[in-house]
All heavy atoms as atom14 arrays in JSON, in Angstrom:
{
  "sequence": "ARRIHNSAVEVLRRPAPEETVTASFGKFISGVKSEHLSSVVLHRSKRM",
  "atom14_mask": [
    [1, 1, 1, 1, 1, 0, 0, 0, 0, 0, 0, 0, 0, 0],
    [1, 1, 1, 1, 1, 1, 1, 1, 1, 1, 1, 0, 0, 0],
    [1, 1, 1, 1, 1, 1, 1, 1, 1, 1, 1, 0, 0, 0],
    [1, 1, 1, 1, 1, 1, 1, 1, 0, 0, 0, 0, 0, 0],
    [1, 1, 1, 1, 1, 1, 1, 1, 1, 1, 0, 0, 0, 0],
    [1, 1, 1, 1, 1, 1, 1, 1, 0, 0, 0, 0, 0, 0],
    [1, 1, 1, 1, 1, 1, 0, 0, 0, 0, 0, 0, 0, 0],
    [1, 1, 1, 1, 1, 0, 0, 0, 0, 0, 0, 0, 0, 0],
    [1, 1, 1, 1, 1, 1, 1, 0, 0, 0, 0, 0, 0, 0],
    [1, 1, 1, 1, 1, 1, 1, 1, 1, 0, 0, 0, 0, 0],
    [1, 1, 1, 1, 1, 1, 1, 0, 0, 0, 0, 0, 0, 0],
    [1, 1, 1, 1, 1, 1, 1, 1, 0, 0, 0, 0, 0, 0],
    [1, 1, 1, 1, 1, 1, 1, 1, 1, 1, 1, 0, 0, 0],
    [1, 1, 1, 1, 1, 1, 1, 1, 1, 1, 1, 0, 0, 0],
    [1, 1, 1, 1, 1, 1, 1, 0, 0, 0, 0, 0, 0, 0],
    [1, 1, 1, 1, 1, 0, 0, 0, 0, 0, 0, 0, 0, 0],
    [1, 1, 1, 1, 1, 1, 1, 0, 0, 0, 0, 0, 0, 0],
    [1, 1, 1, 1, 1, 1, 1, 1, 1, 0, 0, 0, 0, 0],
    [1, 1, 1, 1, 1, 1, 1, 1, 1, 0, 0, 0, 0, 0],
    [1, 1, 1, 1, 1, 1, 1, 0, 0, 0, 0, 0, 0, 0],
    [1, 1, 1, 1, 1, 1, 1, 0, 0, 0, 0, 0, 0, 0],
    [1, 1, 1, 1, 1, 1, 1, 0, 0, 0, 0, 0, 0, 0],
    [1, 1, 1, 1, 1, 0, 0, 0, 0, 0, 0, 0, 0, 0],
    [1, 1, 1, 1, 1, 1, 0, 0, 0, 0, 0, 0, 0, 0],
    [1, 1, 1, 1, 1, 1, 1, 1, 1, 1, 1, 0, 0, 0],
    [1, 1, 1, 1, 0, 0, 0, 0, 0, 0, 0, 0, 0, 0],
    [1, 1, 1, 1, 1, 1, 1, 1, 1, 0, 0, 0, 0, 0],
    [1, 1, 1, 1, 1, 1, 1, 1, 1, 1, 1, 0, 0, 0],
    [1, 1, 1, 1, 1, 1, 1, 1, 0, 0, 0, 0, 0, 0],
    [1, 1, 1, 1, 1, 1, 0, 0, 0, 0, 0, 0, 0, 0],
    [1, 1, 1, 1, 0, 0, 0, 0, 0, 0, 0, 0, 0, 0],
    [1, 1, 1, 1, 1, 1, 1, 0, 0, 0, 0, 0, 0, 0],
    [1, 1, 1, 1, 1, 1, 1, 1, 1, 0, 0, 0, 0, 0],
    [1, 1, 1, 1, 1, 1, 0, 0, 0, 0, 0, 0, 0, 0],
    [1, 1, 1, 1, 1, 1, 1, 1, 1, 0, 0, 0, 0, 0],
    [1, 1, 1, 1, 1, 1, 1, 1, 1, 1, 0, 0, 0, 0],
    [1, 1, 1, 1, 1, 1, 1, 1, 0, 0, 0, 0, 0, 0],
    [1, 1, 1, 1, 1, 1, 0, 0, 0, 0, 0, 0, 0, 0],
    [1, 1, 1, 1, 1, 1, 0, 0, 0, 0, 0, 0, 0, 0],
    [1, 1, 1, 1, 1, 1, 1, 0, 0, 0, 0, 0, 0, 0],
    [1, 1, 1, 1, 1, 1, 1, 0, 0, 0, 0, 0, 0, 0],
    [1, 1, 1, 1, 1, 1, 1, 1, 0, 0, 0, 0, 0, 0],
    [1, 1, 1, 1, 1, 1, 1, 1, 1, 1, 0, 0, 0, 0],
    [1, 1, 1, 1, 1, 1, 1, 1, 1, 1, 1, 0, 0, 0],
    [1, 1, 1, 1, 1, 1, 0, 0, 0, 0, 0, 0, 0, 0],
    [1, 1, 1, 1, 1, 1, 1, 1, 1, 0, 0, 0, 0, 0],
    [1, 1, 1, 1, 1, 1, 1, 1, 1, 1, 1, 0, 0, 0],
    [1, 1, 1, 1, 1, 1, 1, 1, 0, 0, 0, 0, 0, 0]
  ],
  "atom14_positions": [
    [[-141.25, 42.22, 4.75], [-140.0, 41.89, 5.45], [-140.24, 41.76, 6.95], [-139.69, 40.87, 7.6], [-138.94, 42.95, 5.16], [0.0, 0.0, 0.0], [0.0, 0.0, 0.0], [0.0, 0.0, 0.0], [0.0, 0.0, 0.0], [0.0, 0.0, 0.0], [0.0, 0.0, 0.0], [0.0, 0.0, 0.0], [0.0, 0.0, 0.0], [0.0, 0.0, 0.0]],
    [[-141.08, 42.65, 7.5], [-141.4, 42.56, 8.93], [-142.13, 41.26, 9.25], [-141.86, 40.61, 10.25], [-142.24, 43.75, 9.37], [-141.42, 44.98, 9.59], [-142.24, 46.06, 10.28], [-141.44, 47.26, 10.33], [-141.87, 48.47, 10.04], [-143.12, 48.65, 9.67], [-141.08, 49.5, 10.12], [0.0, 0.0, 0.0], [0.0, 0.0, 0.0], [0.0, 0.0, 0.0]],
    [[-143.1, 40.9, 8.38], [-143.83, 39.65, 8.59], [-142.89, 38.45, 8.54], [-142.97, 37.56, 9.37], [-144.94, 39.49, 7.54], [-146.23, 40.1, 8.0], [-147.36, 39.79, 7.04], [-147.69, 41.03, 6.39], [-147.7, 41.25, 5.09], [-147.46, 40.29, 4.25], [-148.0, 42.42, 4.6], [0.0, 0.0, 0.0], [0.0, 0.0, 0.0], [0.0, 0.0, 0.0]],
    [[-142.0, 38.45, 7.58], [-141.02, 37.35, 7.47], [-140.13, 37.35, 8.7], [-139.88, 36.3, 9.29], [-140.2, 37.48, 6.17], [-141.11, 37.2, 4.98], [-139.01, 36.52, 6.19], [-140.47, 37.51, 3.64], [0.0, 0.0, 0.0], [0.0, 0.0, 0.0], [0.0, 0.0, 0.0], [0.0, 0.0, 0.0], [0.0, 0.0, 0.0], [0.0, 0.0, 0.0]],
    [[-139.67, 38.54, 9.11], [-138.81, 38.62, 10.28], [-139.54, 38.11, 11.52], [-138.99, 37.33, 12.3], [-138.34, 40.06, 10.49], [-137.6, 40.25, 11.78], [-136.31, 39.79, 11.95], [-137.98, 40.8, 12.97], [-135.92, 40.06, 13.19], [-136.9, 40.68, 13.82], [0.0, 0.0, 0.0], [0.0, 0.0, 0.0], [0.0, 0.0, 0.0], [0.0, 0.0, 0.0]],
    [[-140.79, 38.54, 11.69], [-141.57, 38.09, 12.86], [-141.78, 36.58, 12.82], [-141.74, 35.92, 13.85], [-142.91, 38.82, 12.92], [-142.73, 40.28, 13.31], [-141.71, 40.66, 13.89], [-143.71, 41.1, 12.97], [0.0, 0.0, 0.0], [0.0, 0.0, 0.0], [0.0, 0.0, 0.0], [0.0, 0.0, 0.0], [0.0, 0.0, 0.0], [0.0, 0.0, 0.0]],
    [[-141.98, 36.01, 11.63], [-142.12, 34.55, 11.51], [-140.83, 33.86, 11.91], [-140.86, 32.84, 12.61], [-142.47, 34.16, 10.08], [-143.7, 34.7, 9.71], [0.0, 0.0, 0.0], [0.0, 0.0, 0.0], [0.0, 0.0, 0.0], [0.0, 0.0, 0.0], [0.0, 0.0, 0.0], [0.0, 0.0, 0.0], [0.0, 0.0, 0.0], [0.0, 0.0, 0.0]],
    [[-139.72, 34.42, 11.48], [-138.43, 33.82, 11.82], [-138.17, 33.91, 13.32], [-137.68, 32.96, 13.93], [-137.31, 34.52, 11.04], [0.0, 0.0, 0.0], [0.0, 0.0, 0.0], [0.0, 0.0, 0.0], [0.0, 0.0, 0.0], [0.0, 0.0, 0.0], [0.0, 0.0, 0.0], [0.0, 0.0, 0.0], [0.0, 0.0, 0.0], [0.0, 0.0, 0.0]],
    [[-138.52, 35.02, 13.93], [-138.35, 35.19, 15.37], [-139.21, 34.17, 16.11], [-138.78, 33.56, 17.08], [-138.68, 36.65, 15.8], [-138.79, 36.75, 17.31], [-137.63, 37.59, 15.26], [0.0, 0.0, 0.0], [0.0, 0.0, 0.0], [0.0, 0.0, 0.0], [0.0, 0.0, 0.0], [0.0, 0.0, 0.0], [0.0, 0.0, 0.0], [0.0, 0.0, 0.0]],
    [[-140.44, 33.95, 15.62], [-141.34, 32.98, 16.25], [-140.76, 31.57, 16.16], [-140.85, 30.79, 17.12], [-142.73, 33.04, 15.58], [-143.77, 32.22, 16.27], [-144.03, 32.65, 17.72], [-143.84, 33.83, 18.07], [-144.42, 31.76, 18.51], [0.0, 0.0, 0.0], [0.0, 0.0, 0.0], [0.0, 0.0, 0.0], [0.0, 0.0, 0.0], [0.0, 0.0, 0.0]],
    [[-140.17, 31.22, 15.05], [-139.55, 29.89, 14.89], [-138.4, 29.74, 15.88], [-138.21, 28.67, 16.47], [-139.07, 29.67, 13.44], [-138.14, 28.48, 13.34], [-140.27, 29.5, 12.51], [0.0, 0.0, 0.0], [0.0, 0.0, 0.0], [0.0, 0.0, 0.0], [0.0, 0.0, 0.0], [0.0, 0.0, 0.0], [0.0, 0.0, 0.0], [0.0, 0.0, 0.0]],
    [[-137.63, 30.79, 16.08], [-136.53, 30.73, 17.04], [-137.06, 30.56, 18.46], [-136.46, 29.85, 19.27], [-135.66, 31.98, 16.95], [-134.78, 32.09, 15.72], [-134.08, 33.45, 15.68], [-133.75, 30.97, 15.7], [0.0, 0.0, 0.0], [0.0, 0.0, 0.0], [0.0, 0.0, 0.0], [0.0, 0.0, 0.0], [0.0, 0.0, 0.0], [0.0, 0.0, 0.0]],
    [[-138.18, 31.2, 18.75], [-138.77, 31.07, 20.08], [-139.33, 29.66, 20.31], [-139.16, 29.08, 21.37], [-139.9, 32.09, 20.26], [-139.4, 33.4, 20.75], [-140.57, 34.26, 21.22], [-140.3, 35.6, 20.72], [-141.18, 36.4, 20.15], [-142.42, 36.01, 20.01], [-140.83, 37.57, 19.73], [0.0, 0.0, 0.0], [0.0, 0.0, 0.0], [0.0, 0.0, 0.0]],
    [[-140.05, 29.16, 19.34], [-140.69, 27.84, 19.45], [-140.42, 27.04, 18.18], [-141.25, 26.97, 17.28], [-142.2, 28.0, 19.64], [-142.55, 28.34, 21.05], [-144.04, 28.38, 21.26], [-144.46, 29.78, 21.16], [-145.56, 30.2, 20.57], [-146.38, 29.35, 20.04], [-145.87, 31.46, 20.54], [0.0, 0.0, 0.0], [0.0, 0.0, 0.0], [0.0, 0.0, 0.0]],
    [[-139.24, 26.43, 18.09], [-138.94, 25.67, 16.87], [-139.86, 24.46, 16.73], [-140.26, 23.86, 17.73], [-137.48, 25.24, 17.05], [-137.24, 25.31, 18.51], [-138.18, 26.35, 19.06], [0.0, 0.0, 0.0], [0.0, 0.0, 0.0], [0.0, 0.0, 0.0], [0.0, 0.0, 0.0], [0.0, 0.0, 0.0], [0.0, 0.0, 0.0], [0.0, 0.0, 0.0]],
    [[-140.19, 24.16, 15.52], [-141.01, 22.97, 15.25], [-140.17, 21.73, 15.56], [-138.97, 21.71, 15.28], [-141.44, 22.95, 13.78], [0.0, 0.0, 0.0], [0.0, 0.0, 0.0], [0.0, 0.0, 0.0], [0.0, 0.0, 0.0], [0.0, 0.0, 0.0], [0.0, 0.0, 0.0], [0.0, 0.0, 0.0], [0.0, 0.0, 0.0], [0.0, 0.0, 0.0]],
    [[-140.79, 20.72, 16.18], [-140.01, 19.5, 16.48], [-139.54, 18.86, 15.18], [-140.29, 18.76, 14.22], [-141.0, 18.61, 17.22], [-142.35, 19.15, 16.88], [-142.18, 20.6, 16.55], [0.0, 0.0, 0.0], [0.0, 0.0, 0.0], [0.0, 0.0, 0.0], [0.0, 0.0, 0.0], [0.0, 0.0, 0.0], [0.0, 0.0, 0.0], [0.0, 0.0, 0.0]],
    [[-138.28, 18.49, 15.2], [-137.69, 17.88, 14.01], [-138.0, 16.39, 14.0], [-137.89, 15.72, 15.02], [-136.17, 18.09, 14.04], [-135.52, 17.82, 12.73], [-134.05, 18.22, 12.77], [-133.78, 19.41, 13.0], [-133.22, 17.34, 12.61], [0.0, 0.0, 0.0], [0.0, 0.0, 0.0], [0.0, 0.0, 0.0], [0.0, 0.0, 0.0], [0.0, 0.0, 0.0]],
    [[-138.4, 15.87, 12.88], [-138.7, 14.44, 12.75], [-137.37, 13.7, 12.6], [-136.65, 13.89, 11.64], [-139.58, 14.19, 11.52], [-140.01, 12.77, 11.34], [-141.07, 12.33, 12.35], [-141.75, 13.19, 12.92], [-141.2, 11.12, 12.56], [0.0, 0.0, 0.0], [0.0, 0.0, 0.0], [0.0, 0.0, 0.0], [0.0, 0.0, 0.0], [0.0, 0.0, 0.0]],
    [[-137.04, 12.91, 13.58], [-135.82, 12.11, 13.53], [-136.17, 10.7, 13.09], [-137.33, 10.3, 13.11], [-135.15, 12.05, 14.92], [-136.03, 11.39, 15.82], [-134.8, 13.45, 15.43], [0.0, 0.0, 0.0], [0.0, 0.0, 0.0], [0.0, 0.0, 0.0], [0.0, 0.0, 0.0], [0.0, 0.0, 0.0], [0.0, 0.0, 0.0], [0.0, 0.0, 0.0]],
    [[-135.17, 9.95, 12.71], [-135.38, 8.56, 12.34], [-135.97, 7.81, 13.53], [-136.93, 7.06, 13.41], [-134.05, 7.91, 11.87], [-134.23, 6.41, 11.67], [-133.57, 8.57, 10.59], [0.0, 0.0, 0.0], [0.0, 0.0, 0.0], [0.0, 0.0, 0.0], [0.0, 0.0, 0.0], [0.0, 0.0, 0.0], [0.0, 0.0, 0.0], [0.0, 0.0, 0.0]],
    [[-135.4, 8.05, 14.71], [-135.89, 7.37, 15.91], [-137.34, 7.74, 16.19], [-138.16, 6.87, 16.51], [-135.01, 7.74, 17.12], [-133.65, 7.42, 16.81], [-135.44, 7.0, 18.37], [0.0, 0.0, 0.0], [0.0, 0.0, 0.0], [0.0, 0.0, 0.0], [0.0, 0.0, 0.0], [0.0, 0.0, 0.0], [0.0, 0.0, 0.0], [0.0, 0.0, 0.0]],
    [[-137.68, 9.02, 16.03], [-139.07, 9.44, 16.26], [-140.01, 8.79, 15.25], [-141.12, 8.37, 15.6], [-139.18, 10.96, 16.19], [0.0, 0.0, 0.0], [0.0, 0.0, 0.0], [0.0, 0.0, 0.0], [0.0, 0.0, 0.0], [0.0, 0.0, 0.0], [0.0, 0.0, 0.0], [0.0, 0.0, 0.0], [0.0, 0.0, 0.0], [0.0, 0.0, 0.0]],
    [[-139.58, 8.71, 13.99], [-140.45, 8.09, 12.99], [-140.63, 6.6, 13.28], [-141.72, 6.06, 13.1], [-139.92, 8.31, 11.57], [-138.77, 7.54, 11.33], [0.0, 0.0, 0.0], [0.0, 0.0, 0.0], [0.0, 0.0, 0.0], [0.0, 0.0, 0.0], [0.0, 0.0, 0.0], [0.0, 0.0, 0.0], [0.0, 0.0, 0.0], [0.0, 0.0, 0.0]],
    [[-139.58, 5.93, 13.75], [-139.72, 4.52, 14.12], [-140.67, 4.39, 15.32], [-141.51, 3.5, 15.35], [-138.36, 3.91, 14.48], [-137.5, 3.58, 13.29], [-137.83, 3.97, 12.01], [-136.33, 2.87, 13.46], [-137.04, 3.66, 10.92], [-135.53, 2.54, 12.38], [-135.89, 2.94, 11.11], [0.0, 0.0, 0.0], [0.0, 0.0, 0.0], [0.0, 0.0, 0.0]],
    [[-140.5, 5.26, 16.3], [-141.37, 5.22, 17.47], [-142.83, 5.44, 17.11], [-143.72, 4.75, 17.63], [0.0, 0.0, 0.0], [0.0, 0.0, 0.0], [0.0, 0.0, 0.0], [0.0, 0.0, 0.0], [0.0, 0.0, 0.0], [0.0, 0.0, 0.0], [0.0, 0.0, 0.0], [0.0, 0.0, 0.0], [0.0, 0.0, 0.0], [0.0, 0.0, 0.0]],
    [[-143.08, 6.38, 16.2], [-144.45, 6.63, 15.75], [-145.01, 5.4, 15.04], [-146.15, 5.01, 15.27], [-144.46, 7.83, 14.8], [-145.87, 8.27, 14.41], [-145.85, 9.34, 13.34], [-145.33, 10.64, 13.88], [-145.4, 11.73, 12.88], [0.0, 0.0, 0.0], [0.0, 0.0, 0.0], [0.0, 0.0, 0.0], [0.0, 0.0, 0.0], [0.0, 0.0, 0.0]],
    [[-144.18, 4.76, 14.21], [-144.63, 3.55, 13.52], [-144.94, 2.44, 14.53], [-146.0, 1.82, 14.49], [-143.56, 3.06, 12.54], [-143.76, 1.65, 12.1], [-144.76, 1.31, 11.21], [-142.95, 0.64, 12.6], [-144.96, -0.01, 10.82], [-143.14, -0.68, 12.22], [-144.15, -1.0, 11.32], [0.0, 0.0, 0.0], [0.0, 0.0, 0.0], [0.0, 0.0, 0.0]],
    [[-144.01, 2.2, 15.45], [-144.16, 1.11, 16.43], [-145.41, 1.32, 17.28], [-146.18, 0.38, 17.5], [-142.91, 0.99, 17.31], [-141.73, 0.47, 16.48], [-143.15, 0.08, 18.51], [-140.38, 0.61, 17.17], [0.0, 0.0, 0.0], [0.0, 0.0, 0.0], [0.0, 0.0, 0.0], [0.0, 0.0, 0.0], [0.0, 0.0, 0.0], [0.0, 0.0, 0.0]],
    [[-145.62, 2.53, 17.74], [-146.77, 2.77, 18.61], [-148.09, 2.77, 17.85], [-149.15, 2.57, 18.44], [-146.61, 4.08, 19.38], [-146.61, 5.17, 18.48], [0.0, 0.0, 0.0], [0.0, 0.0, 0.0], [0.0, 0.0, 0.0], [0.0, 0.0, 0.0], [0.0, 0.0, 0.0], [0.0, 0.0, 0.0], [0.0, 0.0, 0.0], [0.0, 0.0, 0.0]],
    [[-148.04, 2.97, 16.53], [-149.27, 3.04, 15.75], [-149.73, 1.74, 15.13], [-150.89, 1.6, 14.76], [0.0, 0.0, 0.0], [0.0, 0.0, 0.0], [0.0, 0.0, 0.0], [0.0, 0.0, 0.0], [0.0, 0.0, 0.0], [0.0, 0.0, 0.0], [0.0, 0.0, 0.0], [0.0, 0.0, 0.0], [0.0, 0.0, 0.0], [0.0, 0.0, 0.0]],
    [[-148.83, 0.78, 15.01], [-149.22, -0.47, 14.33], [-150.01, -1.35, 15.28], [-149.71, -1.45, 16.47], [-147.99, -1.2, 13.74], [-147.11, -1.79, 14.8], [-148.39, -2.26, 12.74], [0.0, 0.0, 0.0], [0.0, 0.0, 0.0], [0.0, 0.0, 0.0], [0.0, 0.0, 0.0], [0.0, 0.0, 0.0], [0.0, 0.0, 0.0], [0.0, 0.0, 0.0]],
    [[-151.06, -1.93, 14.76], [-151.95, -2.81, 15.53], [-152.06, -4.15, 14.84], [-151.83, -4.27, 13.64], [-153.35, -2.18, 15.65], [-153.37, -0.77, 16.18], [-153.07, -0.73, 17.66], [-153.11, 0.67, 18.2], [-151.88, 1.18, 18.68], [0.0, 0.0, 0.0], [0.0, 0.0, 0.0], [0.0, 0.0, 0.0], [0.0, 0.0, 0.0], [0.0, 0.0, 0.0]],
    [[-152.46, -5.16, 15.59], [-152.55, -6.51, 15.01], [-153.53, -6.56, 13.85], [-153.32, -7.34, 12.91], [-152.93, -7.53, 16.09], [-154.13, -7.16, 16.72], [0.0, 0.0, 0.0], [0.0, 0.0, 0.0], [0.0, 0.0, 0.0], [0.0, 0.0, 0.0], [0.0, 0.0, 0.0], [0.0, 0.0, 0.0], [0.0, 0.0, 0.0], [0.0, 0.0, 0.0]],
    [[-154.55, -5.72, 13.85], [-155.49, -5.74, 12.72], [-154.88, -5.21, 11.43], [-155.45, -5.38, 10.36], [-156.8, -4.99, 13.05], [-156.64, -3.59, 13.54], [-156.59, -3.48, 15.06], [-156.41, -4.49, 15.76], [-156.7, -2.35, 15.55], [0.0, 0.0, 0.0], [0.0, 0.0, 0.0], [0.0, 0.0, 0.0], [0.0, 0.0, 0.0], [0.0, 0.0, 0.0]],
    [[-153.71, -4.59, 11.51], [-153.0, -4.15, 10.31], [-152.32, -5.3, 9.58], [-151.89, -5.15, 8.45], [-151.95, -3.08, 10.66], [-152.54, -1.82, 11.18], [-152.02, -1.16, 12.27], [-153.61, -1.09, 10.79], [-152.74, -0.08, 12.52], [-153.71, -0.02, 11.62], [0.0, 0.0, 0.0], [0.0, 0.0, 0.0], [0.0, 0.0, 0.0], [0.0, 0.0, 0.0]],
    [[-152.17, -6.44, 10.26], [-151.51, -7.59, 9.65], [-152.5, -8.34, 8.77], [-153.5, -8.85, 9.25], [-150.95, -8.52, 10.73], [-149.95, -7.92, 11.71], [-149.58, -8.94, 12.77], [-148.73, -7.4, 10.99], [0.0, 0.0, 0.0], [0.0, 0.0, 0.0], [0.0, 0.0, 0.0], [0.0, 0.0, 0.0], [0.0, 0.0, 0.0], [0.0, 0.0, 0.0]],
    [[-152.2, -8.43, 7.5], [-153.09, -9.14, 6.58], [-152.96, -10.64, 6.8], [-152.0, -11.12, 7.43], [-152.73, -8.79, 5.13], [-151.48, -9.36, 4.78], [0.0, 0.0, 0.0], [0.0, 0.0, 0.0], [0.0, 0.0, 0.0], [0.0, 0.0, 0.0], [0.0, 0.0, 0.0], [0.0, 0.0, 0.0], [0.0, 0.0, 0.0], [0.0, 0.0, 0.0]],
    [[-153.87, -11.39, 6.24], [-153.81, -12.85, 6.37], [-152.55, -13.39, 5.69], [-151.96, -14.36, 6.16], [-155.06, -13.5, 5.79], [-155.2, -13.18, 4.42], [0.0, 0.0, 0.0], [0.0, 0.0, 0.0], [0.0, 0.0, 0.0], [0.0, 0.0, 0.0], [0.0, 0.0, 0.0], [0.0, 0.0, 0.0], [0.0, 0.0, 0.0], [0.0, 0.0, 0.0]],
    [[-152.12, -12.77, 4.61], [-150.89, -13.19, 3.92], [-149.68, -12.95, 4.82], [-148.81, -13.82, 4.95], [-150.73, -12.46, 2.57], [-149.38, -12.72, 1.94], [-151.85, -12.84, 1.61], [0.0, 0.0, 0.0], [0.0, 0.0, 0.0], [0.0, 0.0, 0.0], [0.0, 0.0, 0.0], [0.0, 0.0, 0.0], [0.0, 0.0, 0.0], [0.0, 0.0, 0.0]],
    [[-149.63, -11.78, 5.45], [-148.5, -11.47, 6.34], [-148.49, -12.44, 7.52], [-147.43, -12.95, 7.91], [-148.57, -10.0, 6.83], [-147.6, -9.74, 7.97], [-148.29, -9.05, 5.68], [0.0, 0.0, 0.0], [0.0, 0.0, 0.0], [0.0, 0.0, 0.0], [0.0, 0.0, 0.0], [0.0, 0.0, 0.0], [0.0, 0.0, 0.0], [0.0, 0.0, 0.0]],
    [[-149.65, -12.71, 8.1], [-149.71, -13.65, 9.22], [-149.25, -15.04, 8.8], [-148.46, -15.68, 9.51], [-151.14, -13.72, 9.78], [-151.59, -12.5, 10.57], [-153.07, -12.58, 10.87], [-150.77, -12.35, 11.84], [0.0, 0.0, 0.0], [0.0, 0.0, 0.0], [0.0, 0.0, 0.0], [0.0, 0.0, 0.0], [0.0, 0.0, 0.0], [0.0, 0.0, 0.0]],
    [[-149.69, -15.5, 7.65], [-149.28, -16.83, 7.16], [-147.77, -16.88, 6.94], [-147.1, -17.82, 7.39], [-150.03, -17.16, 5.87], [-149.64, -18.46, 5.26], [-150.02, -19.67, 5.8], [-148.87, -18.74, 4.17], [-149.52, -20.65, 5.07], [-148.82, -20.11, 4.08], [0.0, 0.0, 0.0], [0.0, 0.0, 0.0], [0.0, 0.0, 0.0], [0.0, 0.0, 0.0]],
    [[-147.24, -15.88, 6.27], [-145.79, -15.87, 5.99], [-144.97, -15.73, 7.26], [-143.92, -16.36, 7.4], [-145.46, -14.75, 5.01], [-145.93, -15.05, 3.61], [-145.57, -13.96, 2.65], [-146.03, -14.3, 1.31], [-146.02, -13.46, 0.31], [-145.57, -12.22, 0.48], [-146.45, -13.83, -0.87], [0.0, 0.0, 0.0], [0.0, 0.0, 0.0], [0.0, 0.0, 0.0]],
    [[-145.44, -14.91, 8.2], [-144.65, -14.74, 9.42], [-144.68, -16.0, 10.28], [-143.68, -16.33, 10.93], [-145.1, -13.51, 10.21], [-146.46, -13.57, 10.54], [0.0, 0.0, 0.0], [0.0, 0.0, 0.0], [0.0, 0.0, 0.0], [0.0, 0.0, 0.0], [0.0, 0.0, 0.0], [0.0, 0.0, 0.0], [0.0, 0.0, 0.0], [0.0, 0.0, 0.0]],
    [[-145.78, -16.73, 10.27], [-145.81, -18.02, 10.98], [-144.79, -18.97, 10.38], [-144.08, -19.68, 11.12], [-147.21, -18.64, 10.91], [-148.24, -17.95, 11.76], [-149.62, -18.55, 11.52], [-150.71, -17.77, 12.21], [-152.05, -18.32, 11.91], [0.0, 0.0, 0.0], [0.0, 0.0, 0.0], [0.0, 0.0, 0.0], [0.0, 0.0, 0.0], [0.0, 0.0, 0.0]],
    [[-144.7, -19.0, 9.06], [-143.71, -19.85, 8.4], [-142.29, -19.4, 8.74], [-141.41, -20.23, 8.95], [-143.93, -19.85, 6.89], [-145.18, -20.61, 6.48], [-145.38, -20.62, 5.0], [-144.24, -21.28, 4.37], [-144.04, -21.27, 3.07], [-144.87, -20.66, 2.26], [-142.99, -21.87, 2.55], [0.0, 0.0, 0.0], [0.0, 0.0, 0.0], [0.0, 0.0, 0.0]],
    [[-142.07, -18.09, 8.79], [-140.75, -17.57, 9.15], [-140.37, -17.97, 10.57], [-139.23, -18.36, 10.83], [-140.71, -16.05, 9.0], [-140.75, -15.55, 7.56], [-140.99, -13.76, 7.44], [-139.38, -13.16, 7.96], [0.0, 0.0, 0.0], [0.0, 0.0, 0.0], [0.0, 0.0, 0.0], [0.0, 0.0, 0.0], [0.0, 0.0, 0.0], [0.0, 0.0, 0.0]]
  ]
}
């Protein structure tokens, strides 16, 4: 119980950052590179 309590107190002191929709989009946007685009995706997007 003390260990659990101490863990809970630690979380209150330093909560883990919550993954938001905006944060997940930002992570995706900053991580994608042109080499991730396949030749099929490039061909289709040029047509689009």
